[in-house]
N, C-alpha and C. Protein backbone atom coordinates (compact mmCIF):
# COMPACT_ATOMS: atom_id res chain seq x y z
N MET A 1 6.75 13.44 -4.65
CA MET A 1 6.20 13.56 -3.30
C MET A 1 4.91 12.76 -3.17
N ALA A 2 4.11 12.70 -4.22
CA ALA A 2 2.83 12.00 -4.15
C ALA A 2 3.03 10.50 -3.94
N ASP A 3 4.17 9.96 -4.37
CA ASP A 3 4.43 8.53 -4.22
C ASP A 3 4.99 8.19 -2.85
N GLU A 4 5.38 9.19 -2.08
CA GLU A 4 5.98 8.96 -0.77
C GLU A 4 4.93 8.51 0.24
N THR A 5 5.25 7.46 1.01
CA THR A 5 4.33 6.95 2.03
C THR A 5 4.24 7.94 3.18
N ARG A 6 3.02 8.21 3.63
CA ARG A 6 2.85 9.06 4.81
C ARG A 6 3.39 8.33 6.01
N LYS A 7 3.92 9.09 6.97
CA LYS A 7 4.50 8.50 8.18
C LYS A 7 3.99 9.24 9.41
N ILE A 8 3.77 8.47 10.46
CA ILE A 8 3.39 9.05 11.74
C ILE A 8 4.19 8.33 12.82
N ALA A 9 4.61 9.08 13.80
CA ALA A 9 5.38 8.50 14.91
C ALA A 9 4.77 8.99 16.23
N PHE A 10 4.61 8.06 17.14
CA PHE A 10 4.08 8.36 18.46
C PHE A 10 5.19 8.21 19.48
N ILE A 11 5.25 9.14 20.41
CA ILE A 11 6.16 9.04 21.55
C ILE A 11 5.27 8.79 22.77
N CYS A 12 5.39 7.59 23.34
CA CYS A 12 4.58 7.23 24.51
C CYS A 12 5.44 7.39 25.76
N SER A 13 5.08 8.36 26.59
CA SER A 13 5.87 8.67 27.78
C SER A 13 5.17 8.35 29.08
N LYS A 14 3.94 7.87 29.01
CA LYS A 14 3.17 7.61 30.23
C LYS A 14 2.70 6.17 30.26
N GLY A 15 2.73 5.56 31.43
CA GLY A 15 2.37 4.15 31.57
C GLY A 15 1.02 3.90 32.19
N ASN A 16 0.18 4.93 32.31
CA ASN A 16 -1.16 4.72 32.84
C ASN A 16 -2.04 4.07 31.78
N LEU A 17 -2.99 3.27 32.19
CA LEU A 17 -3.87 2.58 31.26
C LEU A 17 -4.57 3.56 30.32
N ASP A 18 -5.07 4.66 30.87
CA ASP A 18 -5.79 5.63 30.04
C ASP A 18 -4.87 6.38 29.08
N MET A 19 -3.57 6.37 29.35
CA MET A 19 -2.62 7.04 28.45
C MET A 19 -2.02 6.06 27.43
N ALA A 20 -2.27 4.78 27.61
CA ALA A 20 -1.76 3.78 26.67
C ALA A 20 -2.60 3.74 25.40
N TYR A 21 -3.89 3.88 25.53
CA TYR A 21 -4.77 3.68 24.39
C TYR A 21 -4.70 4.72 23.27
N PRO A 22 -4.46 6.00 23.53
CA PRO A 22 -4.46 6.95 22.41
C PRO A 22 -3.51 6.58 21.27
N ALA A 23 -2.28 6.24 21.58
CA ALA A 23 -1.34 5.88 20.51
C ALA A 23 -1.73 4.58 19.83
N LEU A 24 -2.26 3.63 20.60
CA LEU A 24 -2.64 2.35 20.03
C LEU A 24 -3.82 2.50 19.07
N VAL A 25 -4.82 3.24 19.48
CA VAL A 25 -6.00 3.46 18.64
C VAL A 25 -5.63 4.26 17.39
N MET A 26 -4.89 5.35 17.59
CA MET A 26 -4.51 6.17 16.44
C MET A 26 -3.53 5.44 15.52
N GLY A 27 -2.63 4.66 16.11
CA GLY A 27 -1.70 3.88 15.30
C GLY A 27 -2.42 2.86 14.45
N TRP A 28 -3.41 2.19 15.02
CA TRP A 28 -4.20 1.20 14.29
C TRP A 28 -4.97 1.88 13.16
N ALA A 29 -5.56 3.04 13.44
CA ALA A 29 -6.28 3.79 12.40
C ALA A 29 -5.32 4.21 11.28
N ALA A 30 -4.13 4.65 11.65
CA ALA A 30 -3.15 5.07 10.65
C ALA A 30 -2.75 3.90 9.76
N LEU A 31 -2.46 2.75 10.36
CA LEU A 31 -2.10 1.57 9.56
C LEU A 31 -3.22 1.22 8.59
N GLY A 32 -4.46 1.33 9.06
CA GLY A 32 -5.61 1.04 8.21
C GLY A 32 -5.74 2.00 7.04
N ASN A 33 -5.11 3.16 7.16
CA ASN A 33 -5.12 4.15 6.09
C ASN A 33 -3.82 4.15 5.30
N GLY A 34 -3.01 3.10 5.47
CA GLY A 34 -1.78 2.97 4.70
C GLY A 34 -0.64 3.86 5.16
N ILE A 35 -0.73 4.34 6.37
CA ILE A 35 0.30 5.24 6.91
C ILE A 35 1.32 4.42 7.69
N ASP A 36 2.59 4.67 7.48
CA ASP A 36 3.68 4.01 8.19
C ASP A 36 3.66 4.46 9.66
N VAL A 37 3.71 3.50 10.60
CA VAL A 37 3.59 3.81 12.03
C VAL A 37 4.83 3.36 12.80
N THR A 38 5.39 4.29 13.56
CA THR A 38 6.50 4.01 14.47
C THR A 38 6.09 4.50 15.85
N ILE A 39 6.38 3.68 16.88
CA ILE A 39 6.06 4.08 18.25
C ILE A 39 7.33 3.96 19.09
N PHE A 40 7.64 5.05 19.79
CA PHE A 40 8.84 5.16 20.63
C PHE A 40 8.36 5.25 22.08
N PHE A 41 8.80 4.32 22.91
CA PHE A 41 8.39 4.25 24.31
C PHE A 41 9.51 4.78 25.19
N THR A 42 9.20 5.77 26.01
CA THR A 42 10.21 6.38 26.86
C THR A 42 9.65 6.58 28.27
N PHE A 43 10.52 6.72 29.24
CA PHE A 43 10.15 6.88 30.64
C PHE A 43 9.07 5.88 31.02
N TRP A 44 7.98 6.32 31.67
CA TRP A 44 6.96 5.39 32.16
C TRP A 44 6.19 4.74 31.03
N GLY A 45 6.25 5.29 29.84
CA GLY A 45 5.60 4.68 28.69
C GLY A 45 6.14 3.29 28.38
N MET A 46 7.35 3.01 28.86
CA MET A 46 7.93 1.68 28.64
C MET A 46 7.16 0.60 29.39
N ASP A 47 6.33 0.98 30.37
CA ASP A 47 5.48 -0.01 31.03
C ASP A 47 4.58 -0.71 30.01
N MET A 48 4.22 -0.01 28.94
CA MET A 48 3.36 -0.59 27.91
C MET A 48 4.02 -1.76 27.19
N ILE A 49 5.34 -1.77 27.13
CA ILE A 49 6.04 -2.84 26.41
C ILE A 49 6.83 -3.75 27.34
N ASN A 50 6.80 -3.45 28.63
CA ASN A 50 7.52 -4.26 29.61
C ASN A 50 6.70 -5.52 29.90
N LYS A 51 7.30 -6.70 29.68
CA LYS A 51 6.61 -7.98 29.88
C LYS A 51 5.93 -8.07 31.24
N ASP A 52 6.57 -7.53 32.27
CA ASP A 52 6.04 -7.62 33.63
C ASP A 52 4.97 -6.59 33.94
N ARG A 53 4.85 -5.54 33.13
CA ARG A 53 3.91 -4.45 33.44
C ARG A 53 2.74 -4.34 32.47
N VAL A 54 2.90 -4.80 31.23
CA VAL A 54 1.90 -4.55 30.18
C VAL A 54 0.49 -4.99 30.57
N ASP A 55 0.37 -6.05 31.33
CA ASP A 55 -0.96 -6.54 31.71
C ASP A 55 -1.43 -5.97 33.05
N HIS A 56 -0.68 -5.03 33.61
CA HIS A 56 -1.00 -4.49 34.93
C HIS A 56 -1.01 -2.95 34.95
N LEU A 57 -1.30 -2.33 33.82
CA LEU A 57 -1.38 -0.87 33.78
C LEU A 57 -2.62 -0.43 34.56
N GLU A 58 -2.54 0.73 35.20
CA GLU A 58 -3.62 1.19 36.07
C GLU A 58 -4.11 2.58 35.68
N VAL A 59 -5.24 2.94 36.24
CA VAL A 59 -5.82 4.28 36.07
C VAL A 59 -5.85 4.93 37.45
N PRO A 60 -4.87 5.78 37.76
CA PRO A 60 -4.90 6.45 39.06
C PRO A 60 -5.87 7.63 39.04
N PRO A 61 -6.90 7.62 39.90
CA PRO A 61 -7.86 8.72 39.88
C PRO A 61 -7.32 10.01 40.48
N ILE A 62 -6.30 9.93 41.31
CA ILE A 62 -5.77 11.16 41.92
C ILE A 62 -5.05 11.97 40.84
N ALA A 63 -5.30 13.24 40.82
CA ALA A 63 -4.72 14.19 39.86
C ALA A 63 -5.23 13.95 38.45
N ASN A 64 -6.27 13.16 38.29
CA ASN A 64 -6.88 12.93 36.98
C ASN A 64 -8.20 13.70 36.96
N ALA A 65 -8.10 15.00 36.80
CA ALA A 65 -9.26 15.89 36.92
C ALA A 65 -10.33 15.63 35.87
N SER A 66 -9.99 14.96 34.81
CA SER A 66 -10.96 14.71 33.74
C SER A 66 -11.65 13.37 33.86
N MET A 67 -11.44 12.66 34.94
CA MET A 67 -12.04 11.34 35.10
C MET A 67 -13.53 11.50 35.35
N LYS A 68 -14.32 11.20 34.35
CA LYS A 68 -15.76 11.47 34.43
C LYS A 68 -16.59 10.26 33.98
N MET A 69 -16.33 9.08 34.52
CA MET A 69 -17.12 7.90 34.18
C MET A 69 -18.26 7.75 35.18
N ASN A 70 -19.39 7.25 34.71
CA ASN A 70 -20.49 6.95 35.62
C ASN A 70 -20.03 5.86 36.58
N MET A 71 -20.20 6.10 37.87
CA MET A 71 -19.76 5.14 38.87
C MET A 71 -20.80 5.04 39.97
N MET A 72 -21.22 3.83 40.27
CA MET A 72 -22.13 3.56 41.39
C MET A 72 -23.32 4.50 41.39
N GLY A 73 -23.89 4.76 40.23
CA GLY A 73 -25.06 5.61 40.13
C GLY A 73 -24.77 7.10 40.13
N VAL A 74 -23.51 7.48 40.27
CA VAL A 74 -23.14 8.89 40.24
C VAL A 74 -22.90 9.27 38.78
N PRO A 75 -23.61 10.27 38.26
CA PRO A 75 -23.43 10.66 36.87
C PRO A 75 -21.98 11.07 36.57
N GLY A 76 -21.53 10.73 35.38
CA GLY A 76 -20.17 11.01 34.98
C GLY A 76 -19.80 12.47 35.00
N TYR A 77 -20.76 13.35 34.74
CA TYR A 77 -20.42 14.78 34.72
C TYR A 77 -19.98 15.29 36.08
N LEU A 78 -20.30 14.56 37.13
CA LEU A 78 -19.85 14.96 38.46
C LEU A 78 -18.41 14.52 38.71
N GLY A 79 -17.99 13.47 38.01
CA GLY A 79 -16.63 12.98 38.14
C GLY A 79 -16.35 12.39 39.51
N ILE A 80 -15.12 11.98 39.71
CA ILE A 80 -14.68 11.47 41.00
C ILE A 80 -14.00 12.63 41.72
N PRO A 81 -14.46 12.97 42.90
CA PRO A 81 -13.77 14.04 43.63
C PRO A 81 -12.30 13.69 43.83
N GLN A 82 -11.42 14.63 43.64
CA GLN A 82 -10.00 14.37 43.74
C GLN A 82 -9.60 13.77 45.08
N ILE A 83 -10.26 14.16 46.12
CA ILE A 83 -9.92 13.64 47.45
C ILE A 83 -10.18 12.14 47.53
N ALA A 84 -11.13 11.63 46.74
CA ALA A 84 -11.44 10.20 46.75
C ALA A 84 -10.26 9.36 46.26
N GLY A 85 -9.38 9.98 45.48
CA GLY A 85 -8.22 9.25 44.96
C GLY A 85 -7.26 8.77 46.02
N VAL A 86 -7.29 9.37 47.20
CA VAL A 86 -6.39 8.94 48.27
C VAL A 86 -6.94 7.77 49.07
N ILE A 87 -8.18 7.42 48.85
CA ILE A 87 -8.79 6.29 49.57
C ILE A 87 -8.15 5.00 49.07
N PRO A 88 -7.69 4.16 49.99
CA PRO A 88 -7.10 2.89 49.57
C PRO A 88 -8.05 2.09 48.67
N GLY A 89 -7.51 1.57 47.59
CA GLY A 89 -8.29 0.77 46.67
C GLY A 89 -8.91 1.53 45.52
N MET A 90 -8.84 2.86 45.53
CA MET A 90 -9.47 3.64 44.46
C MET A 90 -8.79 3.42 43.10
N THR A 91 -7.47 3.27 43.09
CA THR A 91 -6.78 3.02 41.82
C THR A 91 -7.23 1.68 41.26
N ALA A 92 -7.29 0.65 42.10
CA ALA A 92 -7.74 -0.67 41.65
C ALA A 92 -9.19 -0.61 41.17
N PHE A 93 -10.02 0.16 41.88
CA PHE A 93 -11.43 0.29 41.51
C PHE A 93 -11.56 0.99 40.15
N ALA A 94 -10.86 2.11 39.98
CA ALA A 94 -10.93 2.86 38.72
C ALA A 94 -10.38 2.03 37.56
N THR A 95 -9.33 1.27 37.83
CA THR A 95 -8.74 0.41 36.80
C THR A 95 -9.72 -0.69 36.39
N ALA A 96 -10.33 -1.33 37.37
CA ALA A 96 -11.30 -2.38 37.08
C ALA A 96 -12.49 -1.82 36.30
N LEU A 97 -12.93 -0.62 36.67
CA LEU A 97 -14.04 0.01 35.98
C LEU A 97 -13.69 0.27 34.51
N MET A 98 -12.51 0.83 34.27
CA MET A 98 -12.12 1.11 32.89
C MET A 98 -11.96 -0.19 32.10
N ASN A 99 -11.32 -1.20 32.69
CA ASN A 99 -11.16 -2.48 32.00
C ASN A 99 -12.51 -3.09 31.66
N SER A 100 -13.46 -2.97 32.58
CA SER A 100 -14.81 -3.50 32.35
C SER A 100 -15.48 -2.78 31.17
N LYS A 101 -15.39 -1.46 31.17
CA LYS A 101 -16.00 -0.69 30.08
C LYS A 101 -15.34 -1.01 28.74
N MET A 102 -14.02 -1.16 28.73
CA MET A 102 -13.31 -1.49 27.49
C MET A 102 -13.70 -2.88 26.99
N LYS A 103 -13.84 -3.82 27.92
CA LYS A 103 -14.21 -5.18 27.54
C LYS A 103 -15.60 -5.20 26.92
N LYS A 104 -16.54 -4.44 27.52
CA LYS A 104 -17.90 -4.38 26.97
C LYS A 104 -17.90 -3.80 25.56
N LEU A 105 -16.99 -2.90 25.29
CA LEU A 105 -16.87 -2.30 23.96
C LEU A 105 -16.04 -3.17 23.01
N GLU A 106 -15.54 -4.30 23.53
CA GLU A 106 -14.71 -5.23 22.77
C GLU A 106 -13.42 -4.58 22.28
N VAL A 107 -12.88 -3.70 23.11
CA VAL A 107 -11.59 -3.06 22.81
C VAL A 107 -10.49 -4.04 23.22
N PRO A 108 -9.53 -4.28 22.35
CA PRO A 108 -8.43 -5.20 22.72
C PRO A 108 -7.66 -4.67 23.92
N THR A 109 -7.05 -5.59 24.66
CA THR A 109 -6.18 -5.17 25.76
C THR A 109 -4.95 -4.49 25.17
N VAL A 110 -4.16 -3.84 26.01
CA VAL A 110 -2.94 -3.18 25.53
C VAL A 110 -2.03 -4.21 24.86
N ARG A 111 -1.84 -5.36 25.49
CA ARG A 111 -0.98 -6.40 24.91
C ARG A 111 -1.51 -6.84 23.53
N GLU A 112 -2.83 -7.06 23.44
CA GLU A 112 -3.42 -7.47 22.16
C GLU A 112 -3.27 -6.39 21.10
N TYR A 113 -3.49 -5.14 21.49
CA TYR A 113 -3.35 -4.02 20.54
C TYR A 113 -1.92 -3.94 20.02
N LEU A 114 -0.95 -4.06 20.92
CA LEU A 114 0.45 -4.01 20.50
C LEU A 114 0.75 -5.13 19.51
N GLN A 115 0.25 -6.33 19.77
CA GLN A 115 0.48 -7.45 18.85
C GLN A 115 -0.18 -7.19 17.50
N MET A 116 -1.39 -6.65 17.52
CA MET A 116 -2.08 -6.31 16.27
C MET A 116 -1.26 -5.29 15.47
N LEU A 117 -0.74 -4.29 16.17
CA LEU A 117 0.05 -3.26 15.50
C LEU A 117 1.31 -3.85 14.88
N VAL A 118 2.01 -4.68 15.64
CA VAL A 118 3.23 -5.31 15.13
C VAL A 118 2.90 -6.19 13.93
N ASP A 119 1.86 -6.99 14.05
CA ASP A 119 1.46 -7.88 12.95
C ASP A 119 1.11 -7.11 11.68
N ALA A 120 0.60 -5.88 11.86
CA ALA A 120 0.20 -5.06 10.72
C ALA A 120 1.35 -4.18 10.19
N GLY A 121 2.52 -4.25 10.85
CA GLY A 121 3.69 -3.54 10.32
C GLY A 121 4.18 -2.35 11.11
N ALA A 122 3.56 -2.05 12.25
CA ALA A 122 4.07 -0.93 13.07
C ALA A 122 5.44 -1.31 13.64
N LYS A 123 6.27 -0.31 13.81
CA LYS A 123 7.60 -0.51 14.37
C LYS A 123 7.63 0.05 15.78
N LEU A 124 8.06 -0.78 16.75
CA LEU A 124 8.11 -0.39 18.15
C LEU A 124 9.56 -0.29 18.61
N TYR A 125 9.89 0.78 19.33
CA TYR A 125 11.24 0.99 19.83
C TYR A 125 11.20 1.47 21.28
N ALA A 126 12.19 1.04 22.06
CA ALA A 126 12.37 1.51 23.43
C ALA A 126 13.47 2.56 23.45
N CYS A 127 13.34 3.54 24.33
CA CYS A 127 14.31 4.63 24.48
C CYS A 127 15.54 4.15 25.26
N LYS A 128 16.70 4.31 24.66
CA LYS A 128 17.95 3.85 25.28
C LYS A 128 18.21 4.51 26.62
N MET A 129 18.03 5.83 26.70
CA MET A 129 18.29 6.52 27.96
C MET A 129 17.39 5.98 29.08
N SER A 130 16.10 5.79 28.78
CA SER A 130 15.17 5.27 29.79
C SER A 130 15.50 3.82 30.14
N VAL A 131 15.85 3.02 29.15
CA VAL A 131 16.23 1.63 29.39
C VAL A 131 17.42 1.58 30.35
N ASP A 132 18.43 2.41 30.06
CA ASP A 132 19.61 2.46 30.92
C ASP A 132 19.26 2.96 32.32
N MET A 133 18.44 3.99 32.38
CA MET A 133 18.06 4.58 33.66
C MET A 133 17.33 3.57 34.55
N PHE A 134 16.46 2.75 33.95
CA PHE A 134 15.67 1.79 34.71
C PHE A 134 16.33 0.42 34.81
N GLY A 135 17.53 0.27 34.24
CA GLY A 135 18.26 -0.99 34.32
C GLY A 135 17.58 -2.13 33.57
N LEU A 136 16.97 -1.81 32.44
CA LEU A 136 16.27 -2.82 31.65
C LEU A 136 17.14 -3.29 30.49
N LYS A 137 16.68 -4.35 29.82
CA LYS A 137 17.35 -4.83 28.61
C LYS A 137 16.27 -5.32 27.65
N LYS A 138 16.65 -5.61 26.42
CA LYS A 138 15.68 -5.97 25.38
C LYS A 138 14.82 -7.16 25.80
N GLU A 139 15.38 -8.09 26.54
CA GLU A 139 14.65 -9.28 26.98
C GLU A 139 13.48 -8.93 27.91
N ASP A 140 13.50 -7.74 28.49
CA ASP A 140 12.43 -7.32 29.40
C ASP A 140 11.18 -6.89 28.64
N PHE A 141 11.29 -6.74 27.32
CA PHE A 141 10.18 -6.20 26.54
C PHE A 141 9.42 -7.30 25.80
N ILE A 142 8.17 -6.99 25.48
CA ILE A 142 7.33 -7.93 24.74
C ILE A 142 7.93 -8.18 23.37
N GLU A 143 7.55 -9.31 22.80
CA GLU A 143 7.96 -9.62 21.44
C GLU A 143 7.38 -8.56 20.50
N GLY A 144 8.18 -8.13 19.56
CA GLY A 144 7.73 -7.12 18.62
C GLY A 144 8.46 -5.80 18.77
N VAL A 145 9.09 -5.59 19.94
CA VAL A 145 9.92 -4.39 20.09
C VAL A 145 11.17 -4.64 19.26
N GLN A 146 11.38 -3.80 18.25
CA GLN A 146 12.46 -4.05 17.31
C GLN A 146 13.84 -3.80 17.88
N ASP A 147 13.96 -2.73 18.69
CA ASP A 147 15.29 -2.39 19.17
C ASP A 147 15.19 -1.34 20.28
N ILE A 148 16.32 -1.09 20.89
CA ILE A 148 16.49 -0.01 21.86
C ILE A 148 17.30 1.05 21.13
N VAL A 149 16.76 2.25 21.01
CA VAL A 149 17.41 3.30 20.22
C VAL A 149 17.49 4.61 21.00
N THR A 150 18.43 5.44 20.60
CA THR A 150 18.55 6.77 21.21
C THR A 150 17.48 7.70 20.63
N ALA A 151 17.27 8.81 21.30
CA ALA A 151 16.32 9.81 20.79
C ALA A 151 16.78 10.32 19.43
N GLY A 152 18.08 10.46 19.26
CA GLY A 152 18.61 10.89 17.96
C GLY A 152 18.32 9.87 16.86
N ASP A 153 18.50 8.59 17.17
CA ASP A 153 18.18 7.53 16.21
C ASP A 153 16.71 7.59 15.82
N PHE A 154 15.86 7.78 16.82
CA PHE A 154 14.42 7.87 16.57
C PHE A 154 14.12 9.04 15.63
N MET A 155 14.75 10.18 15.86
CA MET A 155 14.53 11.34 15.00
C MET A 155 14.97 11.04 13.57
N ASP A 156 16.10 10.38 13.43
CA ASP A 156 16.59 10.03 12.09
C ASP A 156 15.64 9.07 11.38
N MET A 157 15.18 8.05 12.09
CA MET A 157 14.34 7.03 11.45
C MET A 157 12.92 7.52 11.18
N THR A 158 12.51 8.61 11.79
CA THR A 158 11.16 9.14 11.56
C THR A 158 11.19 10.47 10.83
N ASP A 159 12.30 10.74 10.15
CA ASP A 159 12.44 11.98 9.38
C ASP A 159 11.25 12.14 8.44
N GLY A 160 10.59 13.28 8.52
CA GLY A 160 9.45 13.57 7.66
C GLY A 160 8.12 13.08 8.21
N ALA A 161 8.15 12.38 9.33
CA ALA A 161 6.90 11.87 9.93
C ALA A 161 6.22 12.94 10.77
N GLN A 162 4.92 12.83 10.87
CA GLN A 162 4.18 13.63 11.85
C GLN A 162 4.46 12.98 13.20
N ILE A 163 4.90 13.75 14.18
CA ILE A 163 5.23 13.20 15.50
C ILE A 163 4.20 13.67 16.52
N ILE A 164 3.66 12.69 17.25
CA ILE A 164 2.65 12.98 18.27
C ILE A 164 3.19 12.50 19.61
N PHE A 165 3.25 13.41 20.58
CA PHE A 165 3.76 13.11 21.92
C PHE A 165 2.59 12.84 22.85
N ILE A 166 2.61 11.67 23.49
CA ILE A 166 1.52 11.30 24.40
C ILE A 166 2.11 11.03 25.77
């Protein structure tokens, strides 16, 4: 057992910008610690690997009760009032704000993070049911997505892994 490689698998089910980073950051940390990393993208999480969507992920402030970034001199602990999320342009504003903060911290973009993960040995898979439901095919995904697999296939290939659902 001591010789067995540790394994971790992430299930990414959400395509919002703020929901893309947890698996990417934790996956990168795991690879750095010699842990085998597999990421399964399902439902809206496939936006992270979709060629047409990966560079256009957004942060919708509506229904995001934990959104607490400093904005226009308003302290972060006050957050963005939920009603402000319905104002036209708020999603674009919140997205630009998050992208700006990430850039200042020199955090790679989602596309760059995915490429780093693939280059370091992470395995990326798209969910067959979601692919079929959305009428997608392998060509719709960024380079590095290894295959389109069923949930059962994913369970088999990650047997013994710690699984984290995001």
